[in-house]
Amino acid sequence: MLQERAGTLRPVSYPSDPRLLVLHGLRLKGVADVAALAGATGLDGDRVAGELAALAEAGLAIERTGALAGWALTPAGRAEDQRAVRDEVDAAGARATVTGAYERFRALNAGVLDACSRWQVRNVGGRVVRNDHRDKAYDGAVVADLARLNEQAEAVVEQLAGALDRYATYGYQLRRAVEKVEAGEGDWFAKPTFPSFHSVWFELHEDLLTTLGIERSDEAAS
């Protein structure tokens, strides 16, 4: 059996409950609106809005107004997300697969962070300066490195998506970001609060840590 998601056909893996998708999407993004959650989860906007309303009624999410407007988890919501994703990975029998993919992710992480750093700043005459993106040869080399890293990351995401359906959208989001950067839209490389390659990569990292119950401080020490 095949399933269509994010424009591709692939074998069906363990399906995540829409409630969990929205709950976990908020956990990863911190604050998000319906459109951002729809893009991250693969759900349509009406379904996302309905799940958000149910989460709010249960005291797990709250809609914020003001400068940082959008939906966010309450402390109870964060605790519920932590429980739900760990229960899901065990129910799917996917812990070993996700752990293996996490180790492959870590092997790529330093290279991705280095590429993002080189996109933002560069060394000129021994000084670190902001990259003004006037040197097309320099930028081209960094973009080529990003594309190469994404090709390697695709196998990691495919491994994850083959175990848990909710990982399927990461491959599309990362690939889209690379294609946008290659087309000259530099914001898609590392702009924060934007679905740039770095933002999606950071969310994937946080997703793996949360799912496996690993603290960032423990990861840094290992």
Protein backbone atom coordinates (compact mmCIF):
# COMPACT_ATOMS: atom_id res chain seq x y z
CA MET A 1 0.00 0.00 0.00
CA LEU A 2 1.27 3.48 -0.89
CA GLN A 3 0.43 6.84 0.60
CA GLU A 4 0.77 10.27 -0.99
CA ARG A 5 2.22 12.97 1.21
CA ALA A 6 4.15 16.13 0.37
CA GLY A 7 4.02 15.22 -3.31
CA THR A 8 5.66 11.79 -3.09
CA LEU A 9 4.53 8.18 -2.95
CA ARG A 10 6.05 5.88 -0.36
CA PRO A 11 5.15 2.83 1.74
CA VAL A 12 2.77 3.52 4.62
CA SER A 13 4.46 3.62 8.02
CA TYR A 14 3.04 3.94 11.54
CA PRO A 15 0.38 6.69 11.31
CA SER A 16 0.49 9.46 13.88
CA ASP A 17 -2.75 10.69 15.41
CA PRO A 18 -3.61 14.24 14.19
CA ARG A 19 -3.81 15.37 17.80
CA LEU A 20 -0.24 14.28 18.37
CA LEU A 21 0.90 15.93 15.13
CA VAL A 22 -0.46 19.30 16.20
CA LEU A 23 0.67 18.90 19.80
CA HIS A 24 4.18 17.96 18.73
CA GLY A 25 4.28 20.63 16.05
CA LEU A 26 3.69 23.24 18.72
CA ARG A 27 6.36 21.67 20.92
CA LEU A 28 8.91 22.01 18.15
CA LYS A 29 7.98 25.49 16.95
CA GLY A 30 7.32 27.10 20.31
CA VAL A 31 4.75 29.52 18.89
CA ALA A 32 2.99 28.93 15.59
CA ASP A 33 -0.12 29.83 13.64
CA VAL A 34 -2.43 27.45 11.80
CA ALA A 35 -0.65 27.85 8.46
CA ALA A 36 2.77 27.03 9.91
CA LEU A 37 1.41 23.96 11.67
CA ALA A 38 -0.38 22.80 8.53
CA GLY A 39 2.89 23.03 6.58
CA ALA A 40 4.82 21.16 9.24
CA THR A 41 2.29 18.40 9.87
CA GLY A 42 0.81 17.80 6.42
CA LEU A 43 -2.71 18.34 7.81
CA ASP A 44 -5.14 20.78 6.24
CA GLY A 45 -5.79 24.06 7.99
CA ASP A 46 -9.32 23.21 9.14
CA ARG A 47 -8.10 20.01 10.81
CA VAL A 48 -5.27 21.90 12.51
CA ALA A 49 -7.68 24.57 13.77
CA GLY A 50 -10.00 21.90 15.16
CA GLU A 51 -7.17 20.12 16.96
CA LEU A 52 -5.92 23.41 18.41
CA ALA A 53 -9.38 24.18 19.77
CA ALA A 54 -9.54 20.75 21.42
CA LEU A 55 -6.06 21.16 22.91
CA ALA A 56 -7.03 24.55 24.28
CA GLU A 57 -10.20 23.13 25.86
CA ALA A 58 -8.07 20.45 27.53
CA GLY A 59 -5.69 23.07 28.92
CA LEU A 60 -2.80 21.86 26.76
CA ALA A 61 -2.47 24.86 24.42
CA ILE A 62 -3.16 28.58 24.52
CA GLU A 63 -3.52 31.23 21.82
CA ARG A 64 -1.28 34.21 22.38
CA THR A 65 -1.76 37.76 21.16
CA GLY A 66 0.63 40.67 20.94
CA ALA A 67 4.11 40.81 19.46
CA LEU A 68 4.59 37.04 19.56
CA ALA A 69 1.14 35.99 18.43
CA GLY A 70 0.17 32.40 17.75
CA TRP A 71 -0.51 29.11 19.50
CA ALA A 72 1.78 27.65 22.17
CA LEU A 73 1.75 24.73 24.58
CA THR A 74 1.05 25.16 28.26
CA PRO A 75 3.34 23.37 30.75
CA ALA A 76 0.75 20.58 30.83
CA GLY A 77 0.88 20.46 27.05
CA ARG A 78 4.64 20.04 27.01
CA ALA A 79 4.38 17.19 29.49
CA GLU A 80 1.64 15.56 27.43
CA ASP A 81 3.70 15.86 24.24
CA GLN A 82 6.69 14.24 25.91
CA ARG A 83 4.55 11.34 27.04
CA ALA A 84 2.73 10.98 23.72
CA VAL A 85 5.77 10.86 21.42
CA ARG A 86 7.59 8.37 23.63
CA ASP A 87 4.51 6.16 23.82
CA GLU A 88 4.14 6.37 20.06
CA VAL A 89 7.70 5.31 19.22
CA ASP A 90 7.34 2.29 21.50
CA ALA A 91 3.88 1.40 20.16
CA ALA A 92 5.32 1.48 16.65
CA GLY A 93 8.28 -0.70 17.67
CA ALA A 94 10.45 2.00 16.14
CA ARG A 95 12.80 2.99 18.96
CA ALA A 96 15.80 1.14 17.48
CA THR A 97 15.17 2.64 14.04
CA VAL A 98 14.84 6.17 15.38
CA THR A 99 17.94 5.72 17.53
CA GLY A 100 19.94 4.58 14.51
CA ALA A 101 18.70 7.51 12.44
CA TYR A 102 19.56 9.88 15.29
CA GLU A 103 23.16 8.67 15.28
CA ARG A 104 23.35 9.25 11.52
CA PHE A 105 21.83 12.70 12.02
CA ARG A 106 24.48 13.56 14.58
CA ALA A 107 27.20 12.59 12.12
CA LEU A 108 25.83 15.20 9.69
CA ASN A 109 24.96 17.88 12.22
CA ALA A 110 28.37 19.53 12.53
CA GLY A 111 28.62 19.90 8.76
CA VAL A 112 25.17 21.47 8.50
CA LEU A 113 25.89 23.94 11.31
CA ASP A 114 29.22 24.83 9.70
CA ALA A 115 27.55 25.47 6.34
CA CYS A 116 24.95 27.70 7.98
CA SER A 117 27.68 29.61 9.80
CA ARG A 118 29.68 30.09 6.59
CA TRP A 119 26.55 31.39 4.88
CA GLN A 120 26.11 34.06 7.55
CA VAL A 121 29.73 35.06 8.20
CA ARG A 122 33.11 34.57 6.55
CA ASN A 123 36.80 35.02 7.30
CA VAL A 124 38.39 37.94 5.46
CA GLY A 125 42.02 38.73 6.20
CA GLY A 126 41.85 36.92 9.51
CA ARG A 127 38.70 38.76 10.59
CA VAL A 128 35.24 37.24 10.86
CA VAL A 129 32.80 39.52 9.05
CA ARG A 130 29.18 39.33 7.99
CA ASN A 131 28.75 37.66 4.62
CA ASP A 132 27.37 40.34 2.30
CA HIS A 133 26.79 37.70 -0.42
CA ARG A 134 28.66 39.69 -3.06
CA ASP A 135 31.17 36.90 -3.64
CA LYS A 136 29.16 34.54 -5.84
CA ALA A 137 31.93 31.94 -5.96
CA TYR A 138 32.07 31.78 -2.16
CA ASP A 139 28.31 31.54 -1.83
CA GLY A 140 28.13 28.95 -4.59
CA ALA A 141 30.54 26.70 -2.74
CA VAL A 142 28.53 26.95 0.48
CA VAL A 143 25.28 26.21 -1.35
CA ALA A 144 26.90 23.20 -3.01
CA ASP A 145 27.92 21.93 0.44
CA LEU A 146 24.35 22.37 1.68
CA ALA A 147 22.96 20.42 -1.27
CA ARG A 148 25.49 17.63 -0.67
CA LEU A 149 24.59 17.46 3.02
CA ASN A 150 20.89 17.35 2.19
CA GLU A 151 21.46 14.43 -0.17
CA GLN A 152 23.01 12.55 2.75
CA ALA A 153 20.23 13.66 5.09
CA GLU A 154 17.56 12.31 2.73
CA ALA A 155 18.52 8.75 3.62
CA VAL A 156 18.18 9.57 7.33
CA VAL A 157 14.73 11.10 6.87
CA GLU A 158 13.62 8.18 4.71
CA GLN A 159 14.71 5.81 7.47
CA LEU A 160 12.65 7.78 9.99
CA ALA A 161 9.62 8.15 7.72
CA GLY A 162 9.66 4.42 7.08
CA ALA A 163 9.09 3.90 10.79
CA LEU A 164 6.89 6.84 11.83
CA ASP A 165 4.68 8.68 9.39
CA ARG A 166 5.11 12.05 11.10
CA TYR A 167 8.72 12.27 9.92
CA ALA A 168 7.69 12.28 6.26
CA THR A 169 7.31 16.05 5.93
CA TYR A 170 10.93 16.77 6.93
CA GLY A 171 12.33 15.48 3.65
CA TYR A 172 10.05 17.73 1.63
CA GLN A 173 10.76 20.78 3.82
CA LEU A 174 14.54 20.36 3.65
CA ARG A 175 14.50 19.71 -0.09
CA ARG A 176 12.30 22.74 -0.71
CA ALA A 177 14.67 24.95 1.29
CA VAL A 178 17.68 23.79 -0.74
CA GLU A 179 15.83 24.36 -4.01
CA LYS A 180 14.86 27.89 -2.93
CA VAL A 181 18.46 28.69 -1.97
CA GLU A 182 19.73 27.31 -5.28
CA ALA A 183 17.21 29.58 -7.03
CA GLY A 184 18.74 32.62 -5.32
CA GLU A 185 16.37 33.01 -2.34
CA GLY A 186 18.97 33.24 0.40
CA ASP A 187 16.52 33.56 3.29
CA TRP A 188 15.77 29.87 2.89
CA PHE A 189 19.28 28.97 4.04
CA ALA A 190 19.32 30.01 7.68
CA LYS A 191 16.76 32.73 8.41
CA PRO A 192 15.18 32.21 11.87
CA THR A 193 11.40 32.18 12.41
CA PHE A 194 11.10 31.06 8.79
CA PRO A 195 10.99 27.55 7.23
CA SER A 196 14.66 27.80 6.23
CA PHE A 197 16.92 24.77 6.04
CA HIS A 198 18.44 25.62 9.42
CA SER A 199 15.04 26.08 11.07
CA VAL A 200 13.74 22.73 9.79
CA TRP A 201 17.01 21.00 10.67
CA PHE A 202 16.82 22.41 14.21
CA GLU A 203 13.24 21.15 14.56
CA LEU A 204 14.24 17.70 13.33
CA HIS A 205 17.04 17.64 15.90
CA GLU A 206 14.65 18.66 18.67
CA ASP A 207 12.14 16.09 17.44
CA LEU A 208 14.68 13.28 17.71
CA LEU A 209 15.81 14.36 21.17
CA THR A 210 12.24 14.60 22.46
CA THR A 211 11.19 11.29 20.95
CA LEU A 212 14.17 9.45 22.42
CA GLY A 213 14.06 11.27 25.76
CA ILE A 214 17.53 12.79 25.40
CA GLU A 215 18.40 16.13 27.00
CA ARG A 216 20.58 18.50 24.97
CA SER A 217 22.97 18.80 27.90
CA ASP A 218 23.39 15.02 27.96
CA GLU A 219 23.94 14.97 24.20
CA ALA A 220 26.67 17.62 24.41
CA ALA A 221 28.45 15.61 27.09
CA SER A 222 28.42 12.37 25.11
